[in-house]
């Protein structure tokens, strides 16, 4: 039998070749993922991508049909010949659901106390409840009915209840999605602070890239039940492994390109541009360029032919966002780009010069047809 790492050295959560299906429909395919101790890890994907199903499998609400799941080196679900399966209550994880799932017949303190260790004395239980309500900013609301609380307050009760039995792992399924933007930001910050103070490993599920960037140590991009890439927020944004990953975390221009110069550059509509990572010379694919990587200046006199790796374009549309302006450009060869600009005002119809301020990312062509600019 294979040897597994001890709880001290093992990842907090590990998935090995996990597949999950509903009846005959496979919704999660061959997911392998490792989440480090005390890591805040985000599963990022659109609705229906399989991210919540992965979370439910880790919690024990969905069995795997192949592969295995480990928590702190302990196998909690395995589709091997002798199927191993630990029920949710044995896994030592806390779960915060999207709808909070509070008990309407219990007051706030009763909801938080639900599921606490029955061996605790009443004094110990009450002290723990009071400490948790203080921690989430609801110290004065213990006797309030949950129906009398705002959405943000209910979210904090759900968090306190999940923390009540002192789990080492927390699973949070879009916990802020029902809140307005300002409250969402405030509660995200409070929740992350609490998780870090409690030394808890957490997995968040979200479809919001801004939310993912604001809380994550690592992000896993999920699409169609498949894990596309895992990395730090910087790695996912700056060196995406595919066009789909690049799109999941921001606007991106995708330009047809051919690798040249011993694999260090690529030729595309912007000229010959350096690559962040070497590629195979002669290969054809796409150069991914963020709008913020493009430098745009007014073409005042039309003399631009002698500027290396600078191309001319016409501004087709201008969108003002306050701190920057987004420009929709058409190059002389009809290639369309999106660029972010600040400084001198640029108007629709003007002619501009465009160049790349940074290195581009080369990826193979996607298997599905895609437009040149993704929003």
Protein backbone atom coordinates (compact mmCIF):
# COMPACT_ATOMS: atom_id res chain seq x y z
CA UNK A 1 0.00 0.00 0.00
CA UNK A 2 1.23 3.50 -0.81
CA UNK A 3 2.76 5.52 2.03
CA UNK A 4 1.10 8.86 2.71
CA UNK A 5 2.69 11.88 4.37
CA UNK A 6 2.09 12.57 8.04
CA UNK A 7 -0.45 15.18 9.11
CA UNK A 8 2.40 17.57 9.97
CA UNK A 9 4.06 17.42 6.54
CA UNK A 10 1.11 16.62 4.27
CA UNK A 11 -0.88 19.25 2.38
CA UNK A 12 -4.01 20.34 4.22
CA UNK A 13 -6.06 19.07 1.28
CA UNK A 14 -4.98 16.92 -1.67
CA UNK A 15 -7.03 15.70 -4.63
CA UNK A 16 -5.56 12.95 -6.82
CA UNK A 17 -7.20 12.31 -10.20
CA UNK A 18 -10.67 13.08 -8.85
CA UNK A 19 -13.70 12.57 -11.06
CA UNK A 20 -17.28 13.22 -9.94
CA UNK A 21 -20.47 12.45 -11.81
CA UNK A 22 -24.19 12.86 -11.40
CA UNK A 23 -25.80 9.72 -12.83
CA UNK A 24 -23.99 9.30 -16.18
CA UNK A 25 -22.92 12.95 -16.45
CA UNK A 26 -19.28 13.55 -15.47
CA UNK A 27 -19.08 17.06 -14.03
CA UNK A 28 -15.51 17.01 -12.64
CA UNK A 29 -12.71 15.40 -14.65
CA UNK A 30 -9.35 14.21 -13.38
CA UNK A 31 -8.71 17.01 -10.87
CA UNK A 32 -5.37 16.87 -9.03
CA UNK A 33 -4.80 19.68 -6.57
CA UNK A 34 -2.73 20.35 -3.45
CA UNK A 35 -3.63 23.02 -0.89
CA UNK A 36 -0.93 23.89 1.63
CA UNK A 37 -1.39 24.29 5.36
CA UNK A 38 -2.94 27.69 6.26
CA UNK A 39 -3.29 28.57 2.57
CA UNK A 40 -6.26 30.61 1.37
CA UNK A 41 -7.06 28.95 -1.94
CA UNK A 42 -9.68 30.12 -4.43
CA UNK A 43 -11.50 27.96 -6.97
CA UNK A 44 -12.35 30.45 -9.73
CA UNK A 45 -14.76 29.67 -12.53
CA UNK A 46 -18.06 30.51 -14.16
CA UNK A 47 -21.37 29.07 -12.98
CA UNK A 48 -21.56 25.40 -13.89
CA UNK A 49 -17.78 24.96 -14.12
CA UNK A 50 -17.70 22.34 -11.34
CA UNK A 51 -16.05 24.39 -8.60
CA UNK A 52 -18.88 23.96 -6.07
CA UNK A 53 -19.01 20.24 -6.81
CA UNK A 54 -15.30 20.00 -5.94
CA UNK A 55 -15.97 21.84 -2.67
CA UNK A 56 -18.86 19.51 -1.82
CA UNK A 57 -16.69 16.47 -2.48
CA UNK A 58 -14.01 17.76 -0.10
CA UNK A 59 -16.71 18.34 2.53
CA UNK A 60 -18.08 14.84 2.03
CA UNK A 61 -21.40 15.74 0.41
CA UNK A 62 -20.49 14.18 -2.96
CA UNK A 63 -18.58 10.91 -3.44
CA UNK A 64 -15.82 10.61 -6.03
CA UNK A 65 -16.25 8.11 -8.85
CA UNK A 66 -12.49 7.83 -9.37
CA UNK A 67 -9.38 9.13 -7.65
CA UNK A 68 -9.07 10.03 -3.98
CA UNK A 69 -9.25 12.95 -1.56
CA UNK A 70 -6.91 13.37 1.41
CA UNK A 71 -7.18 15.74 4.36
CA UNK A 72 -3.92 16.25 6.28
CA UNK A 73 -2.55 13.04 4.74
CA UNK A 74 -5.63 10.97 5.71
CA UNK A 75 -7.68 9.40 2.92
CA UNK A 76 -11.29 10.54 3.37
CA UNK A 77 -12.66 9.40 0.01
CA UNK A 78 -11.21 6.89 -2.43
CA UNK A 79 -12.76 5.08 -5.37
CA UNK A 80 -10.24 2.24 -5.12
CA UNK A 81 -11.42 -1.37 -4.94
CA UNK A 82 -12.20 -1.06 -1.23
CA UNK A 83 -14.00 2.25 -1.35
CA UNK A 84 -13.03 4.42 1.61
CA UNK A 85 -15.42 7.17 2.61
CA UNK A 86 -15.54 9.33 5.73
CA UNK A 87 -18.84 11.15 6.33
CA UNK A 88 -18.81 14.95 6.59
CA UNK A 89 -18.97 15.04 10.39
CA UNK A 90 -15.74 13.02 10.62
CA UNK A 91 -13.65 15.21 8.30
CA UNK A 92 -13.03 18.13 10.64
CA UNK A 93 -14.02 20.84 8.16
CA UNK A 94 -16.27 23.86 8.53
CA UNK A 95 -18.57 24.87 5.70
CA UNK A 96 -20.16 28.25 4.92
CA UNK A 97 -22.84 27.93 2.27
CA UNK A 98 -23.94 30.55 -0.23
CA UNK A 99 -27.37 30.84 1.43
CA UNK A 100 -25.82 30.58 4.96
CA UNK A 101 -28.22 27.70 5.92
CA UNK A 102 -29.01 29.13 9.37
CA UNK A 103 -31.66 27.54 11.58
CA UNK A 104 -34.69 29.87 11.78
CA UNK A 105 -35.96 28.34 15.05
CA UNK A 106 -32.70 29.17 16.88
CA UNK A 107 -31.43 32.58 17.92
CA UNK A 108 -27.95 33.79 16.92
CA UNK A 109 -26.22 32.19 19.91
CA UNK A 110 -28.11 28.92 19.34
CA UNK A 111 -27.00 28.81 15.71
CA UNK A 112 -23.37 29.37 16.66
CA UNK A 113 -23.52 26.73 19.43
CA UNK A 114 -25.12 24.12 17.18
CA UNK A 115 -22.76 21.21 16.59
CA UNK A 116 -20.27 22.18 19.30
CA UNK A 117 -18.49 19.44 21.21
CA UNK A 118 -21.18 17.95 23.51
CA UNK A 119 -18.53 17.31 26.17
CA UNK A 120 -18.15 21.04 26.78
CA UNK A 121 -19.80 22.41 29.87
CA UNK A 122 -22.50 25.03 29.52
CA UNK A 123 -20.04 27.65 30.77
CA UNK A 124 -17.41 26.58 28.22
CA UNK A 125 -19.96 26.57 25.41
CA UNK A 126 -21.31 30.00 26.31
CA UNK A 127 -17.79 31.42 26.60
CA UNK A 128 -16.89 30.04 23.17
CA UNK A 129 -20.07 31.47 21.62
CA UNK A 130 -19.45 34.89 23.19
CA UNK A 131 -15.84 34.90 21.94
CA UNK A 132 -16.89 34.00 18.40
CA UNK A 133 -19.64 36.63 18.27
CA UNK A 134 -17.13 39.20 19.49
CA UNK A 135 -14.71 38.08 16.80
CA UNK A 136 -17.25 38.52 13.99
CA UNK A 137 -18.56 41.80 15.36
CA UNK A 138 -21.94 40.57 16.67
CA UNK A 139 -21.28 40.60 20.40
CA UNK A 140 -24.59 42.31 21.27
CA UNK A 141 -26.81 40.16 19.04
CA UNK A 142 -26.65 36.71 20.64
CA UNK A 143 -30.36 36.67 21.56
CA UNK A 144 -31.52 38.13 18.25
CA UNK A 145 -33.54 35.91 15.89
CA UNK A 146 -31.73 35.27 12.59
CA UNK A 147 -34.78 36.55 10.68
CA UNK A 148 -34.12 39.95 12.22
CA UNK A 149 -30.58 40.16 10.86
CA UNK A 150 -29.30 41.76 7.67
CA UNK A 151 -27.64 39.63 5.01
CA UNK A 152 -24.19 40.69 6.17
CA UNK A 153 -25.00 39.82 9.77
CA UNK A 154 -26.32 36.41 8.73
CA UNK A 155 -23.11 35.77 6.85
CA UNK A 156 -21.12 36.51 9.99
CA UNK A 157 -23.30 34.16 12.05
CA UNK A 158 -22.66 31.41 9.48
CA UNK A 159 -18.92 32.04 9.73
CA UNK A 160 -19.00 31.96 13.55
CA UNK A 161 -20.99 28.70 13.49
CA UNK A 162 -18.50 27.11 11.09
CA UNK A 163 -15.62 28.17 13.37
CA UNK A 164 -17.35 26.98 16.55
CA UNK A 165 -15.90 23.46 16.50
CA UNK A 166 -12.43 24.85 15.69
CA UNK A 167 -11.88 23.25 12.28
CA UNK A 168 -8.47 23.37 10.69
CA UNK A 169 -10.12 23.63 7.25
CA UNK A 170 -12.89 25.96 6.09
CA UNK A 171 -14.84 25.62 2.85
CA UNK A 172 -16.72 28.72 1.70
CA UNK A 173 -19.11 28.58 -1.26
CA UNK A 174 -19.58 32.11 -2.69
CA UNK A 175 -20.27 33.43 0.84
CA UNK A 176 -20.43 37.09 -0.18
CA UNK A 177 -22.39 36.85 -3.43
CA UNK A 178 -25.72 37.97 -1.90
CA UNK A 179 -24.29 41.20 -0.49
CA UNK A 180 -23.86 44.65 -1.99
CA UNK A 181 -20.42 45.68 -3.18
CA UNK A 182 -19.41 47.81 -0.20
CA UNK A 183 -20.50 45.24 2.39
CA UNK A 184 -18.96 42.43 0.35
CA UNK A 185 -15.56 44.11 0.47
CA UNK A 186 -15.80 44.79 4.22
CA UNK A 187 -16.81 41.22 5.09
CA UNK A 188 -14.19 39.69 2.80
CA UNK A 189 -11.49 41.56 4.68
CA UNK A 190 -12.94 40.64 8.09
CA UNK A 191 -13.34 36.97 7.13
CA UNK A 192 -9.80 36.63 5.81
CA UNK A 193 -8.42 38.31 8.94
CA UNK A 194 -10.32 35.84 11.14
CA UNK A 195 -9.18 32.82 9.13
CA UNK A 196 -5.56 33.92 9.32
CA UNK A 197 -5.83 34.65 13.04
CA UNK A 198 -7.29 31.17 13.61
CA UNK A 199 -4.55 29.58 11.42
CA UNK A 200 -7.22 27.96 9.25
CA UNK A 201 -6.73 26.57 5.75
CA UNK A 202 -9.56 27.82 3.54
CA UNK A 203 -10.96 27.12 0.10
CA UNK A 204 -13.24 29.80 -1.36
CA UNK A 205 -15.44 29.24 -4.39
CA UNK A 206 -16.15 32.32 -6.50
CA UNK A 207 -16.87 33.43 -10.05
CA UNK A 208 -15.60 36.97 -9.30
CA UNK A 209 -11.98 37.53 -10.32
CA UNK A 210 -11.71 40.71 -8.23
CA UNK A 211 -12.77 38.76 -5.17
CA UNK A 212 -10.29 36.01 -5.99
CA UNK A 213 -7.40 38.46 -6.26
CA UNK A 214 -8.34 40.24 -3.03
CA UNK A 215 -8.23 37.12 -0.82
CA UNK A 216 -6.18 34.36 -2.45
CA UNK A 217 -2.73 33.02 -1.73
CA UNK A 218 -3.31 30.68 -4.68
CA UNK A 219 -5.97 30.44 -7.38
CA UNK A 220 -7.14 27.40 -9.33
CA UNK A 221 -9.00 28.22 -12.54
CA UNK A 222 -11.78 25.70 -13.25
CA UNK A 223 -13.56 25.42 -16.58
CA UNK A 224 -15.92 22.69 -17.75
CA UNK A 225 -15.05 20.47 -14.80
CA UNK A 226 -11.33 20.65 -15.62
CA UNK A 227 -8.51 22.36 -13.74
CA UNK A 228 -6.77 24.69 -16.20
CA UNK A 229 -4.05 26.22 -14.01
CA UNK A 230 -3.07 26.73 -10.38
CA UNK A 231 -0.75 29.49 -9.21
CA UNK A 232 -0.40 32.67 -7.22
CA UNK A 233 -2.59 35.58 -8.37
CA UNK A 234 0.48 37.09 -10.04
CA UNK A 235 1.31 33.87 -11.90
CA UNK A 236 -2.25 33.40 -13.11
CA UNK A 237 -2.48 36.99 -14.35
CA UNK A 238 1.02 37.49 -15.77
CA UNK A 239 1.80 34.01 -17.16
CA UNK A 240 -1.51 32.29 -17.98
CA UNK A 241 -1.16 28.85 -19.50
CA UNK A 242 -3.94 29.42 -22.02
CA UNK A 243 -6.25 32.02 -23.47
CA UNK A 244 -9.09 30.65 -21.31
CA UNK A 245 -7.07 31.24 -18.14
CA UNK A 246 -6.07 34.73 -19.28
CA UNK A 247 -9.69 35.64 -19.92
CA UNK A 248 -10.81 34.35 -16.54
CA UNK A 249 -8.80 37.04 -14.72
CA UNK A 250 -9.06 40.08 -16.98
CA UNK A 251 -9.23 41.65 -20.42
CA UNK A 252 -6.68 40.31 -22.87
CA UNK A 253 -5.72 40.78 -26.52
CA UNK A 254 -4.95 37.57 -28.41
CA UNK A 255 -2.82 38.07 -31.55
CA UNK A 256 -1.84 35.40 -34.07
CA UNK A 257 1.91 34.93 -33.71
CA UNK A 258 4.91 32.92 -34.94
CA UNK A 259 7.80 32.17 -32.59
CA UNK A 260 11.19 33.43 -33.83
CA UNK A 261 14.66 34.46 -32.61
CA UNK A 262 15.58 31.09 -31.13
CA UNK A 263 12.29 31.05 -29.22
CA UNK A 264 12.76 34.33 -27.36
CA UNK A 265 10.42 36.47 -29.49
CA UNK A 266 7.31 36.24 -31.61
CA UNK A 267 6.16 38.05 -34.74
CA UNK A 268 2.63 39.43 -34.63
CA UNK A 269 0.61 42.49 -35.62
CA UNK A 270 2.60 44.55 -33.09
CA UNK A 271 5.92 43.61 -34.74
CA UNK A 272 8.56 41.36 -33.21
CA UNK A 273 8.03 41.33 -29.45
CA UNK A 274 9.97 39.57 -26.64
CA UNK A 275 8.37 36.66 -24.76
CA UNK A 276 8.18 36.19 -21.01
CA UNK A 277 8.93 32.51 -21.40
CA UNK A 278 10.81 30.81 -24.26
CA UNK A 279 8.81 28.88 -26.84
CA UNK A 280 9.62 26.53 -29.73
CA UNK A 281 10.89 28.43 -32.75
CA UNK A 282 8.59 28.27 -35.76
CA UNK A 283 5.51 27.32 -33.76
CA UNK A 284 2.32 29.22 -34.48
CA UNK A 285 -0.04 30.27 -31.74
CA UNK A 286 -1.24 33.39 -29.98
CA UNK A 287 0.48 36.24 -28.20
CA UNK A 288 -1.45 37.34 -25.11
CA UNK A 289 -1.17 41.02 -24.23
CA UNK A 290 -3.06 42.83 -21.45
CA UNK A 291 -4.52 46.26 -22.31
CA UNK A 292 -2.29 47.80 -19.62
CA UNK A 293 0.81 46.50 -21.43
CA UNK A 294 0.19 48.69 -24.49
CA UNK A 295 1.62 52.19 -24.79
CA UNK A 296 -0.55 54.56 -26.84
CA UNK A 297 0.49 58.04 -27.97
CA UNK A 298 -1.00 60.50 -30.41
CA UNK A 299 0.42 60.35 -33.93
CA UNK A 300 0.75 64.09 -34.45
CA UNK A 301 2.73 64.27 -37.69
CA UNK A 302 2.28 60.85 -39.25
CA UNK A 303 6.02 60.03 -39.15
CA UNK A 304 6.08 56.66 -37.45
CA UNK A 305 7.57 54.28 -40.02
CA UNK A 306 11.08 54.65 -38.58
CA UNK A 307 10.06 53.68 -35.02
CA UNK A 308 10.96 50.05 -34.28
CA UNK A 309 8.08 47.81 -33.12
CA UNK A 310 5.64 50.70 -33.18
CA UNK A 311 2.48 50.43 -35.25
CA UNK A 312 -0.21 52.93 -36.15
CA UNK A 313 -3.87 52.58 -35.33
CA UNK A 314 -7.14 54.46 -35.39
CA UNK A 315 -9.26 54.92 -32.26
CA UNK A 316 -12.72 53.45 -32.85
CA UNK A 317 -14.16 53.87 -29.36
CA UNK A 318 -13.23 55.48 -26.04
CA UNK A 319 -14.61 54.42 -22.64
CA UNK A 320 -13.81 56.51 -19.58
CA UNK A 321 -13.30 54.66 -16.26
CA UNK A 322 -11.98 57.50 -14.11
CA UNK A 323 -8.44 56.38 -13.30
CA UNK A 324 -7.87 55.28 -16.90
CA UNK A 325 -9.45 55.35 -20.33
CA UNK A 326 -10.05 52.21 -22.36
CA UNK A 327 -9.34 52.57 -26.06
CA UNK A 328 -10.68 50.30 -28.77
CA UNK A 329 -8.17 50.41 -31.62
CA UNK A 330 -7.95 49.20 -35.23
CA UNK A 331 -4.47 48.70 -36.62
CA UNK A 332 -3.60 49.40 -40.25
CA UNK A 333 -3.90 45.65 -40.99
CA UNK A 334 -7.43 45.67 -39.46
CA UNK A 335 -6.33 43.89 -36.25
CA UNK A 336 -8.38 45.14 -33.32
CA UNK A 337 -6.92 45.78 -29.86
CA UNK A 338 -8.02 47.13 -26.49
CA UNK A 339 -5.59 49.37 -24.61
CA UNK A 340 -5.70 51.23 -21.31
CA UNK A 341 -4.41 54.79 -21.39
CA UNK A 342 -3.97 57.68 -19.00
CA UNK A 343 -2.53 61.16 -19.40
CA UNK A 344 -3.21 63.08 -22.58
CA UNK A 345 -6.85 62.83 -23.73
CA UNK A 346 -7.43 60.70 -26.81
CA UNK A 347 -10.63 60.95 -28.82
CA UNK A 348 -12.56 58.65 -31.13
CA UNK A 349 -11.29 58.91 -34.71
CA UNK A 350 -7.77 60.03 -33.83
CA UNK A 351 -4.67 58.27 -35.15
CA UNK A 352 -2.27 56.89 -32.53
CA UNK A 353 0.98 54.96 -32.23
CA UNK A 354 0.91 51.65 -30.35
CA UNK A 355 3.78 49.66 -28.88
CA UNK A 356 4.24 46.93 -26.28
CA UNK A 357 5.72 48.14 -22.98
CA UNK A 358 6.34 44.64 -21.63
CA UNK A 359 6.94 41.06 -22.73
CA UNK A 360 4.11 39.02 -24.22
CA UNK A 361 2.93 35.52 -23.30
CA UNK A 362 2.87 32.91 -26.07
CA UNK A 363 0.28 30.09 -25.94
CA UNK A 364 -0.81 27.49 -28.49
CA UNK A 365 -4.00 28.11 -30.41
CA UNK A 366 -7.11 27.22 -28.36
CA UNK A 367 -9.14 24.24 -29.49
CA UNK A 368 -12.29 26.38 -29.72
CA UNK A 369 -12.59 29.49 -31.90
CA UNK A 370 -12.34 32.72 -29.91
CA UNK A 371 -12.63 36.43 -30.71
CA UNK A 372 -9.44 38.48 -30.63
CA UNK A 373 -10.40 40.52 -27.57
CA UNK A 374 -11.99 39.01 -24.48
CA UNK A 375 -13.95 40.91 -21.84
